[in-house]
Amino acid sequence: MIWEVLKRQRRLTPVEAQATQSIRIQLARALKMAILFGIVIQTVITDVLPITNEPFILRTLGVLLYTLGLLMAIIGRLQLGRNWSDIETAQVLCDQTVVAHGLFHYIRHPIYVGDLLLLLGLELSLNSWLVMAVVFMMPGVLRQAVREERMLVYTLPGYEAYCARTKRFIPFIV
C-alpha cells in the first residue's frame, strides 16, 4: 500500500501511462492484489498449514524478520526517491541517477530483499508452511533483478561501475 501511495504522488511518464493499459500489466497488478488479499485472509484465519505445535520461537523470529524486511523495503524506497519506477513498468527515467547511498551503498536491491524478508517473516510468525512459497518466489525475484540491471547498465551512466562495487542482495557476499 505504501508503494501505491508514493507512486500516486508523482505524475506518470508517458511510458508508464501507456504501460498501465497493457494486459500483462493488468495481470501483474491483479496477481499483486490477489497475494495481498490472500495474506490478509491468512492473518485472519490462524494456523493455516501449521509448522509446529509450539510456535513461540518461530513466531518471534518471524516478527523480527518481518520488521527488518519492512524497514529495509521502506527505507530503500524512500532512498530511491524520484528514481523509483514501478516493477510493472520498470524503466529509466529521463532525470534518473545512480543511487549509491544508504542501503544502496551495500546492496543493489534492498527493496526486493526487504520484501522477501517481510514475507518470510510473516509466514514464520503465522507458523505456516506457506513459508515455502517465499522460497519459490526467490528465482523470480532474481530474474527480475537481473533484467533490471541489464537495462540500467545499458541506459544509465555509472550503473555498471556501481554494480562492480556493490553486491546484488547480501552485503559483501552475493
N, C-alpha and C. Protein backbone atom coordinates (compact mmCIF):
# COMPACT_ATOMS: atom_id res chain seq x y z
N MET A 1 0.82 -1.19 0.00
CA MET A 1 0.00 0.00 0.00
C MET A 1 0.87 1.26 0.00
N ILE A 2 2.01 1.20 0.69
CA ILE A 2 2.90 2.35 0.74
C ILE A 2 3.39 2.69 -0.66
N TRP A 3 3.74 1.66 -1.43
CA TRP A 3 4.23 1.90 -2.80
C TRP A 3 3.16 2.60 -3.63
N GLU A 4 1.92 2.13 -3.51
CA GLU A 4 0.84 2.72 -4.31
C GLU A 4 0.62 4.18 -3.93
N VAL A 5 0.69 4.50 -2.64
CA VAL A 5 0.51 5.89 -2.20
C VAL A 5 1.66 6.75 -2.74
N LEU A 6 2.89 6.28 -2.57
CA LEU A 6 4.04 7.06 -3.05
C LEU A 6 4.02 7.20 -4.57
N LYS A 7 3.56 6.16 -5.26
CA LYS A 7 3.51 6.20 -6.72
C LYS A 7 2.51 7.26 -7.18
N ARG A 8 1.44 7.40 -6.49
CA ARG A 8 0.39 8.34 -6.90
C ARG A 8 0.77 9.79 -6.61
N GLN A 9 1.82 10.00 -5.84
CA GLN A 9 2.26 11.35 -5.52
C GLN A 9 3.06 11.98 -6.65
N ARG A 10 3.43 11.19 -7.62
CA ARG A 10 4.17 11.77 -8.75
C ARG A 10 3.40 11.54 -10.03
N ARG A 11 3.67 12.36 -11.00
CA ARG A 11 2.99 12.28 -12.29
C ARG A 11 3.59 11.13 -13.10
N LEU A 12 2.73 10.34 -13.74
CA LEU A 12 3.21 9.24 -14.57
C LEU A 12 3.86 9.76 -15.84
N THR A 13 4.95 9.10 -16.25
CA THR A 13 5.57 9.44 -17.52
C THR A 13 4.68 8.88 -18.63
N PRO A 14 4.83 9.35 -19.86
CA PRO A 14 4.03 8.79 -20.96
C PRO A 14 4.18 7.28 -21.10
N VAL A 15 5.40 6.77 -20.89
CA VAL A 15 5.63 5.32 -20.98
C VAL A 15 4.82 4.60 -19.90
N GLU A 16 4.86 5.11 -18.67
CA GLU A 16 4.12 4.49 -17.57
C GLU A 16 2.62 4.56 -17.84
N ALA A 17 2.15 5.70 -18.30
CA ALA A 17 0.72 5.87 -18.56
C ALA A 17 0.25 4.87 -19.62
N GLN A 18 1.03 4.71 -20.68
CA GLN A 18 0.66 3.77 -21.74
C GLN A 18 0.77 2.33 -21.23
N ALA A 19 1.81 2.06 -20.44
CA ALA A 19 2.04 0.70 -19.95
C ALA A 19 0.93 0.24 -19.01
N THR A 20 0.31 1.16 -18.30
CA THR A 20 -0.73 0.76 -17.36
C THR A 20 -1.92 0.15 -18.07
N GLN A 21 -2.00 0.32 -19.37
CA GLN A 21 -3.12 -0.20 -20.13
C GLN A 21 -2.89 -1.63 -20.66
N SER A 22 -1.66 -2.11 -20.66
CA SER A 22 -1.39 -3.41 -21.25
C SER A 22 -1.96 -4.55 -20.40
N ILE A 23 -2.29 -5.64 -21.07
CA ILE A 23 -2.86 -6.81 -20.39
C ILE A 23 -1.86 -7.40 -19.39
N ARG A 24 -0.60 -7.46 -19.78
CA ARG A 24 0.44 -8.00 -18.89
C ARG A 24 0.51 -7.19 -17.61
N ILE A 25 0.45 -5.89 -17.72
CA ILE A 25 0.50 -5.02 -16.54
C ILE A 25 -0.73 -5.25 -15.67
N GLN A 26 -1.88 -5.34 -16.30
CA GLN A 26 -3.11 -5.57 -15.55
C GLN A 26 -3.07 -6.92 -14.83
N LEU A 27 -2.52 -7.95 -15.49
CA LEU A 27 -2.40 -9.26 -14.85
C LEU A 27 -1.43 -9.22 -13.67
N ALA A 28 -0.31 -8.51 -13.84
CA ALA A 28 0.66 -8.40 -12.75
C ALA A 28 0.04 -7.68 -11.56
N ARG A 29 -0.71 -6.64 -11.82
CA ARG A 29 -1.37 -5.92 -10.72
C ARG A 29 -2.43 -6.79 -10.06
N ALA A 30 -3.16 -7.55 -10.85
CA ALA A 30 -4.18 -8.45 -10.29
C ALA A 30 -3.51 -9.51 -9.41
N LEU A 31 -2.36 -10.02 -9.85
CA LEU A 31 -1.63 -11.01 -9.06
C LEU A 31 -1.17 -10.40 -7.74
N LYS A 32 -0.64 -9.17 -7.78
CA LYS A 32 -0.22 -8.50 -6.55
C LYS A 32 -1.40 -8.32 -5.60
N MET A 33 -2.55 -7.95 -6.12
CA MET A 33 -3.73 -7.76 -5.28
C MET A 33 -4.22 -9.09 -4.72
N ALA A 34 -4.14 -10.16 -5.51
CA ALA A 34 -4.55 -11.48 -5.04
C ALA A 34 -3.65 -11.96 -3.90
N ILE A 35 -2.35 -11.72 -4.05
CA ILE A 35 -1.41 -12.10 -2.98
C ILE A 35 -1.71 -11.30 -1.73
N LEU A 36 -1.92 -10.01 -1.87
CA LEU A 36 -2.25 -9.17 -0.71
C LEU A 36 -3.53 -9.64 -0.05
N PHE A 37 -4.54 -9.94 -0.84
CA PHE A 37 -5.81 -10.43 -0.31
C PHE A 37 -5.60 -11.77 0.41
N GLY A 38 -4.82 -12.65 -0.18
CA GLY A 38 -4.53 -13.94 0.45
C GLY A 38 -3.81 -13.78 1.78
N ILE A 39 -2.88 -12.84 1.84
CA ILE A 39 -2.16 -12.59 3.09
C ILE A 39 -3.11 -12.05 4.16
N VAL A 40 -4.00 -11.15 3.76
CA VAL A 40 -4.97 -10.61 4.72
C VAL A 40 -5.85 -11.74 5.26
N ILE A 41 -6.35 -12.57 4.37
CA ILE A 41 -7.19 -13.70 4.79
C ILE A 41 -6.40 -14.63 5.71
N GLN A 42 -5.15 -14.91 5.35
CA GLN A 42 -4.33 -15.81 6.15
C GLN A 42 -4.09 -15.26 7.55
N THR A 43 -3.95 -13.95 7.69
CA THR A 43 -3.73 -13.39 9.02
C THR A 43 -5.00 -13.44 9.87
N VAL A 44 -6.16 -13.47 9.23
CA VAL A 44 -7.42 -13.57 9.96
C VAL A 44 -7.69 -15.02 10.38
N ILE A 45 -7.41 -15.94 9.47
CA ILE A 45 -7.60 -17.37 9.75
C ILE A 45 -6.27 -17.91 10.25
N THR A 46 -6.17 -18.15 11.53
CA THR A 46 -4.88 -18.59 12.08
C THR A 46 -4.64 -20.07 11.83
N ASP A 47 -3.40 -20.46 11.95
CA ASP A 47 -2.96 -21.84 11.84
C ASP A 47 -3.31 -22.50 10.51
N VAL A 48 -2.96 -21.81 9.42
CA VAL A 48 -3.09 -22.40 8.10
C VAL A 48 -1.81 -23.19 7.83
N LEU A 49 -1.92 -24.49 7.71
CA LEU A 49 -0.78 -25.39 7.50
C LEU A 49 0.31 -25.15 8.54
N PRO A 50 0.02 -25.35 9.82
CA PRO A 50 0.99 -25.05 10.88
C PRO A 50 2.25 -25.91 10.79
N ILE A 51 3.38 -25.28 11.12
CA ILE A 51 4.68 -25.94 11.12
C ILE A 51 4.88 -26.72 12.41
N THR A 52 4.52 -26.12 13.53
CA THR A 52 4.77 -26.73 14.83
C THR A 52 3.64 -26.42 15.80
N ASN A 53 3.53 -27.24 16.84
CA ASN A 53 2.52 -27.01 17.88
C ASN A 53 3.02 -26.03 18.94
N GLU A 54 4.32 -25.79 18.97
CA GLU A 54 4.95 -24.85 19.92
C GLU A 54 5.62 -23.74 19.11
N PRO A 55 4.87 -22.76 18.61
CA PRO A 55 5.43 -21.80 17.66
C PRO A 55 6.09 -20.55 18.25
N PHE A 56 6.29 -20.47 19.56
CA PHE A 56 6.79 -19.22 20.15
C PHE A 56 8.09 -18.73 19.50
N ILE A 57 9.10 -19.59 19.42
CA ILE A 57 10.40 -19.20 18.86
C ILE A 57 10.24 -18.84 17.38
N LEU A 58 9.47 -19.65 16.67
CA LEU A 58 9.23 -19.40 15.24
C LEU A 58 8.53 -18.05 15.04
N ARG A 59 7.53 -17.79 15.85
CA ARG A 59 6.81 -16.52 15.74
C ARG A 59 7.70 -15.33 16.09
N THR A 60 8.54 -15.49 17.10
CA THR A 60 9.45 -14.41 17.48
C THR A 60 10.43 -14.11 16.36
N LEU A 61 11.03 -15.16 15.80
CA LEU A 61 11.94 -15.00 14.67
C LEU A 61 11.19 -14.36 13.50
N GLY A 62 9.97 -14.80 13.24
CA GLY A 62 9.17 -14.25 12.16
C GLY A 62 8.90 -12.76 12.32
N VAL A 63 8.55 -12.35 13.52
CA VAL A 63 8.28 -10.92 13.78
C VAL A 63 9.55 -10.10 13.56
N LEU A 64 10.68 -10.61 14.00
CA LEU A 64 11.95 -9.90 13.80
C LEU A 64 12.29 -9.78 12.31
N LEU A 65 12.15 -10.88 11.56
CA LEU A 65 12.42 -10.83 10.12
C LEU A 65 11.43 -9.92 9.40
N TYR A 66 10.17 -10.00 9.78
CA TYR A 66 9.15 -9.14 9.16
C TYR A 66 9.48 -7.67 9.38
N THR A 67 9.81 -7.33 10.62
CA THR A 67 10.13 -5.93 10.94
C THR A 67 11.36 -5.45 10.19
N LEU A 68 12.42 -6.28 10.17
CA LEU A 68 13.62 -5.93 9.43
C LEU A 68 13.32 -5.74 7.95
N GLY A 69 12.57 -6.67 7.38
CA GLY A 69 12.23 -6.58 5.96
C GLY A 69 11.38 -5.36 5.64
N LEU A 70 10.40 -5.08 6.47
CA LEU A 70 9.54 -3.92 6.24
C LEU A 70 10.35 -2.63 6.30
N LEU A 71 11.18 -2.50 7.32
CA LEU A 71 12.02 -1.31 7.43
C LEU A 71 12.96 -1.18 6.25
N MET A 72 13.56 -2.28 5.85
CA MET A 72 14.50 -2.27 4.73
C MET A 72 13.81 -1.84 3.44
N ALA A 73 12.64 -2.40 3.17
CA ALA A 73 11.92 -2.06 1.94
C ALA A 73 11.49 -0.60 1.94
N ILE A 74 10.97 -0.12 3.06
CA ILE A 74 10.50 1.27 3.11
C ILE A 74 11.67 2.24 3.02
N ILE A 75 12.74 1.98 3.76
CA ILE A 75 13.92 2.87 3.70
C ILE A 75 14.51 2.86 2.29
N GLY A 76 14.62 1.68 1.68
CA GLY A 76 15.13 1.60 0.31
C GLY A 76 14.27 2.40 -0.66
N ARG A 77 12.96 2.29 -0.52
CA ARG A 77 12.05 3.03 -1.40
C ARG A 77 12.21 4.53 -1.20
N LEU A 78 12.30 4.96 0.04
CA LEU A 78 12.47 6.39 0.31
C LEU A 78 13.82 6.90 -0.19
N GLN A 79 14.86 6.08 -0.07
CA GLN A 79 16.18 6.49 -0.54
C GLN A 79 16.23 6.59 -2.06
N LEU A 80 15.44 5.80 -2.75
CA LEU A 80 15.40 5.92 -4.21
C LEU A 80 14.73 7.22 -4.64
N GLY A 81 13.77 7.67 -3.85
CA GLY A 81 13.09 8.93 -4.18
C GLY A 81 12.48 8.91 -5.56
N ARG A 82 12.78 9.93 -6.35
CA ARG A 82 12.21 10.07 -7.69
C ARG A 82 12.81 9.09 -8.69
N ASN A 83 13.84 8.35 -8.31
CA ASN A 83 14.48 7.38 -9.20
C ASN A 83 13.71 6.06 -9.27
N TRP A 84 12.69 5.91 -8.45
CA TRP A 84 11.93 4.66 -8.38
C TRP A 84 10.92 4.59 -9.50
N SER A 85 10.79 3.40 -10.10
CA SER A 85 9.69 3.15 -11.03
C SER A 85 9.05 1.83 -10.64
N ASP A 86 7.79 1.70 -10.92
CA ASP A 86 7.01 0.53 -10.55
C ASP A 86 7.58 -0.71 -11.22
N ILE A 87 7.48 -1.85 -10.55
CA ILE A 87 8.04 -3.10 -11.08
C ILE A 87 7.41 -3.47 -12.43
N GLU A 88 6.13 -3.15 -12.60
CA GLU A 88 5.47 -3.49 -13.86
C GLU A 88 5.95 -2.64 -15.02
N THR A 89 6.36 -1.41 -14.73
CA THR A 89 6.78 -0.50 -15.80
C THR A 89 8.24 -0.12 -15.65
N ALA A 90 9.07 -1.06 -15.23
CA ALA A 90 10.49 -0.77 -14.99
C ALA A 90 11.07 -0.04 -16.19
N GLN A 91 11.67 1.11 -15.90
CA GLN A 91 12.23 1.94 -16.96
C GLN A 91 13.26 2.88 -16.36
N VAL A 92 14.05 3.49 -17.21
CA VAL A 92 14.98 4.52 -16.77
C VAL A 92 14.31 5.86 -17.05
N LEU A 93 14.15 6.64 -16.00
CA LEU A 93 13.50 7.93 -16.11
C LEU A 93 14.48 8.95 -16.70
N CYS A 94 13.96 10.00 -17.31
CA CYS A 94 14.82 10.96 -18.01
C CYS A 94 15.81 11.66 -17.08
N ASP A 95 15.46 11.88 -15.82
CA ASP A 95 16.36 12.56 -14.89
C ASP A 95 16.93 11.60 -13.84
N GLN A 96 16.91 10.31 -14.14
CA GLN A 96 17.35 9.30 -13.18
C GLN A 96 18.86 9.31 -12.99
N THR A 97 19.29 9.06 -11.76
CA THR A 97 20.71 8.96 -11.43
C THR A 97 20.94 7.68 -10.64
N VAL A 98 22.20 7.27 -10.54
CA VAL A 98 22.55 6.10 -9.74
C VAL A 98 22.44 6.50 -8.27
N VAL A 99 21.69 5.72 -7.51
CA VAL A 99 21.58 5.93 -6.06
C VAL A 99 22.55 4.97 -5.40
N ALA A 100 23.56 5.52 -4.72
CA ALA A 100 24.60 4.68 -4.12
C ALA A 100 24.83 5.04 -2.65
N HIS A 101 23.84 5.62 -2.03
CA HIS A 101 23.96 5.97 -0.61
C HIS A 101 22.98 5.13 0.21
N GLY A 102 23.12 5.18 1.52
CA GLY A 102 22.23 4.44 2.40
C GLY A 102 22.35 2.94 2.16
N LEU A 103 21.21 2.28 2.11
CA LEU A 103 21.21 0.83 1.87
C LEU A 103 21.82 0.47 0.53
N PHE A 104 21.66 1.36 -0.46
CA PHE A 104 22.18 1.11 -1.80
C PHE A 104 23.71 1.17 -1.86
N HIS A 105 24.33 1.64 -0.80
CA HIS A 105 25.80 1.61 -0.72
C HIS A 105 26.28 0.17 -0.55
N TYR A 106 25.44 -0.67 0.02
CA TYR A 106 25.82 -2.05 0.34
C TYR A 106 25.22 -3.08 -0.62
N ILE A 107 23.97 -2.88 -1.04
CA ILE A 107 23.32 -3.82 -1.97
C ILE A 107 22.51 -3.05 -3.01
N ARG A 108 22.35 -3.68 -4.17
CA ARG A 108 21.67 -3.02 -5.27
C ARG A 108 20.15 -3.13 -5.18
N HIS A 109 19.62 -4.10 -4.43
CA HIS A 109 18.18 -4.33 -4.41
C HIS A 109 17.61 -4.47 -3.00
N PRO A 110 17.74 -3.43 -2.17
CA PRO A 110 17.22 -3.54 -0.81
C PRO A 110 15.71 -3.69 -0.73
N ILE A 111 15.00 -3.18 -1.70
CA ILE A 111 13.54 -3.31 -1.67
C ILE A 111 13.14 -4.77 -1.91
N TYR A 112 13.75 -5.42 -2.89
CA TYR A 112 13.45 -6.83 -3.13
C TYR A 112 13.83 -7.68 -1.92
N VAL A 113 15.01 -7.43 -1.35
CA VAL A 113 15.44 -8.19 -0.18
C VAL A 113 14.48 -7.94 0.98
N GLY A 114 14.11 -6.69 1.19
CA GLY A 114 13.17 -6.36 2.25
C GLY A 114 11.82 -7.03 2.06
N ASP A 115 11.32 -7.02 0.83
CA ASP A 115 10.03 -7.67 0.56
C ASP A 115 10.09 -9.17 0.84
N LEU A 116 11.17 -9.81 0.42
CA LEU A 116 11.31 -11.25 0.68
C LEU A 116 11.43 -11.53 2.18
N LEU A 117 12.20 -10.71 2.89
CA LEU A 117 12.32 -10.90 4.33
C LEU A 117 11.00 -10.70 5.05
N LEU A 118 10.25 -9.69 4.64
CA LEU A 118 8.98 -9.46 5.33
C LEU A 118 7.98 -10.56 5.04
N LEU A 119 7.96 -11.09 3.83
CA LEU A 119 7.07 -12.22 3.54
C LEU A 119 7.51 -13.48 4.28
N LEU A 120 8.81 -13.72 4.30
CA LEU A 120 9.34 -14.86 5.04
C LEU A 120 8.99 -14.73 6.53
N GLY A 121 9.22 -13.55 7.07
CA GLY A 121 8.90 -13.31 8.48
C GLY A 121 7.42 -13.43 8.78
N LEU A 122 6.59 -12.94 7.87
CA LEU A 122 5.15 -13.04 8.08
C LEU A 122 4.71 -14.50 8.16
N GLU A 123 5.17 -15.31 7.21
CA GLU A 123 4.78 -16.71 7.20
C GLU A 123 5.32 -17.46 8.42
N LEU A 124 6.54 -17.13 8.84
CA LEU A 124 7.07 -17.76 10.06
C LEU A 124 6.28 -17.32 11.28
N SER A 125 5.93 -16.04 11.36
CA SER A 125 5.17 -15.57 12.51
C SER A 125 3.76 -16.16 12.52
N LEU A 126 3.26 -16.53 11.36
CA LEU A 126 1.96 -17.20 11.28
C LEU A 126 2.10 -18.71 11.44
N ASN A 127 3.35 -19.18 11.62
CA ASN A 127 3.60 -20.61 11.84
C ASN A 127 3.05 -21.44 10.68
N SER A 128 3.32 -21.00 9.46
CA SER A 128 2.70 -21.63 8.29
C SER A 128 3.75 -22.20 7.33
N TRP A 129 3.44 -23.38 6.82
CA TRP A 129 4.28 -23.98 5.79
C TRP A 129 4.21 -23.20 4.48
N LEU A 130 3.34 -22.23 4.40
CA LEU A 130 3.30 -21.38 3.21
C LEU A 130 4.58 -20.55 3.09
N VAL A 131 5.43 -20.64 4.10
CA VAL A 131 6.75 -20.01 4.03
C VAL A 131 7.51 -20.53 2.80
N MET A 132 7.22 -21.74 2.38
CA MET A 132 7.88 -22.31 1.20
C MET A 132 7.53 -21.56 -0.07
N ALA A 133 6.38 -20.91 -0.10
CA ALA A 133 6.01 -20.11 -1.27
C ALA A 133 7.01 -18.97 -1.47
N VAL A 134 7.52 -18.42 -0.38
CA VAL A 134 8.51 -17.35 -0.46
C VAL A 134 9.80 -17.90 -1.08
N VAL A 135 10.18 -19.09 -0.70
CA VAL A 135 11.38 -19.73 -1.26
C VAL A 135 11.20 -19.91 -2.77
N PHE A 136 10.00 -20.30 -3.19
CA PHE A 136 9.76 -20.49 -4.62
C PHE A 136 9.67 -19.17 -5.38
N MET A 137 9.45 -18.06 -4.69
CA MET A 137 9.42 -16.75 -5.32
C MET A 137 10.83 -16.23 -5.62
N MET A 138 11.81 -16.72 -4.90
CA MET A 138 13.16 -16.17 -4.99
C MET A 138 13.76 -16.20 -6.40
N PRO A 139 13.62 -17.28 -7.17
CA PRO A 139 14.16 -17.25 -8.53
C PRO A 139 13.50 -16.18 -9.40
N GLY A 140 12.23 -15.94 -9.21
CA GLY A 140 11.55 -14.88 -9.97
C GLY A 140 12.07 -13.50 -9.61
N VAL A 141 12.35 -13.29 -8.34
CA VAL A 141 12.90 -12.02 -7.89
C VAL A 141 14.30 -11.83 -8.47
N LEU A 142 15.10 -12.89 -8.45
CA LEU A 142 16.43 -12.83 -9.03
C LEU A 142 16.36 -12.50 -10.52
N ARG A 143 15.48 -13.16 -11.23
CA ARG A 143 15.31 -12.92 -12.67
C ARG A 143 14.92 -11.46 -12.94
N GLN A 144 14.00 -10.92 -12.14
CA GLN A 144 13.59 -9.53 -12.30
C GLN A 144 14.75 -8.57 -12.01
N ALA A 145 15.53 -8.86 -10.97
CA ALA A 145 16.67 -8.01 -10.63
C ALA A 145 17.70 -8.01 -11.75
N VAL A 146 18.00 -9.16 -12.30
CA VAL A 146 18.97 -9.26 -13.39
C VAL A 146 18.45 -8.50 -14.62
N ARG A 147 17.18 -8.64 -14.91
CA ARG A 147 16.57 -7.94 -16.06
C ARG A 147 16.69 -6.41 -15.87
N GLU A 148 16.39 -5.93 -14.68
CA GLU A 148 16.51 -4.50 -14.41
C GLU A 148 17.96 -4.04 -14.52
N GLU A 149 18.88 -4.83 -14.00
CA GLU A 149 20.29 -4.45 -14.05
C GLU A 149 20.78 -4.35 -15.49
N ARG A 150 20.38 -5.28 -16.34
CA ARG A 150 20.80 -5.22 -17.75
C ARG A 150 20.31 -3.92 -18.38
N MET A 151 19.06 -3.56 -18.11
CA MET A 151 18.50 -2.33 -18.67
C MET A 151 19.27 -1.12 -18.13
N LEU A 152 19.56 -1.10 -16.84
CA LEU A 152 20.23 0.04 -16.24
C LEU A 152 21.68 0.17 -16.71
N VAL A 153 22.39 -0.95 -16.85
CA VAL A 153 23.76 -0.91 -17.35
C VAL A 153 23.78 -0.31 -18.75
N TYR A 154 22.81 -0.66 -19.55
CA TYR A 154 22.74 -0.21 -20.94
C TYR A 154 22.35 1.27 -21.04
N THR A 155 21.50 1.76 -20.13
CA THR A 155 20.92 3.10 -20.31
C THR A 155 21.27 4.14 -19.25
N LEU A 156 21.83 3.72 -18.12
CA LEU A 156 22.09 4.68 -17.04
C LEU A 156 23.60 4.84 -16.82
N PRO A 157 24.15 6.00 -17.14
CA PRO A 157 25.59 6.22 -16.96
C PRO A 157 26.01 5.99 -15.50
N GLY A 158 27.09 5.24 -15.32
CA GLY A 158 27.63 4.98 -14.00
C GLY A 158 27.09 3.74 -13.31
N TYR A 159 26.05 3.12 -13.89
CA TYR A 159 25.45 1.97 -13.22
C TYR A 159 26.36 0.74 -13.27
N GLU A 160 27.09 0.57 -14.36
CA GLU A 160 27.99 -0.59 -14.46
C GLU A 160 29.08 -0.51 -13.39
N ALA A 161 29.64 0.67 -13.17
CA ALA A 161 30.66 0.83 -12.12
C ALA A 161 30.05 0.60 -10.74
N TYR A 162 28.82 1.04 -10.56
CA TYR A 162 28.11 0.80 -9.30
C TYR A 162 27.95 -0.70 -9.05
N CYS A 163 27.59 -1.44 -10.09
CA CYS A 163 27.44 -2.90 -9.97
C CYS A 163 28.77 -3.56 -9.59
N ALA A 164 29.86 -3.04 -10.11
CA ALA A 164 31.16 -3.62 -9.84
C ALA A 164 31.57 -3.47 -8.37
N ARG A 165 31.05 -2.45 -7.69
CA ARG A 165 31.48 -2.22 -6.31
C ARG A 165 30.42 -2.59 -5.27
N THR A 166 29.25 -3.05 -5.68
CA THR A 166 28.22 -3.46 -4.71
C THR A 166 27.74 -4.88 -5.02
N LYS A 167 27.15 -5.50 -4.04
CA LYS A 167 26.58 -6.83 -4.20
C LYS A 167 25.09 -6.69 -4.51
N ARG A 168 24.52 -7.72 -5.09
CA ARG A 168 23.13 -7.67 -5.51
C ARG A 168 22.16 -7.76 -4.33
N PHE A 169 22.33 -8.74 -3.46
CA PHE A 169 21.34 -8.99 -2.40
C PHE A 169 21.89 -9.01 -0.98
N ILE A 170 23.08 -9.57 -0.78
CA ILE A 170 23.63 -9.72 0.57
C ILE A 170 24.96 -8.96 0.61
N PRO A 171 25.07 -7.95 1.50
CA PRO A 171 26.29 -7.15 1.54
C PRO A 171 27.55 -8.00 1.66
N PHE A 172 28.54 -7.68 0.83
CA PHE A 172 29.87 -8.31 0.84
C PHE A 172 29.86 -9.77 0.40
N ILE A 173 28.70 -10.36 0.05
CA ILE A 173 28.64 -11.79 -0.27
C ILE A 173 28.06 -12.03 -1.66
N VAL A 174 26.78 -11.73 -1.84
CA VAL A 174 26.09 -12.04 -3.11
C VAL A 174 25.47 -10.79 -3.68
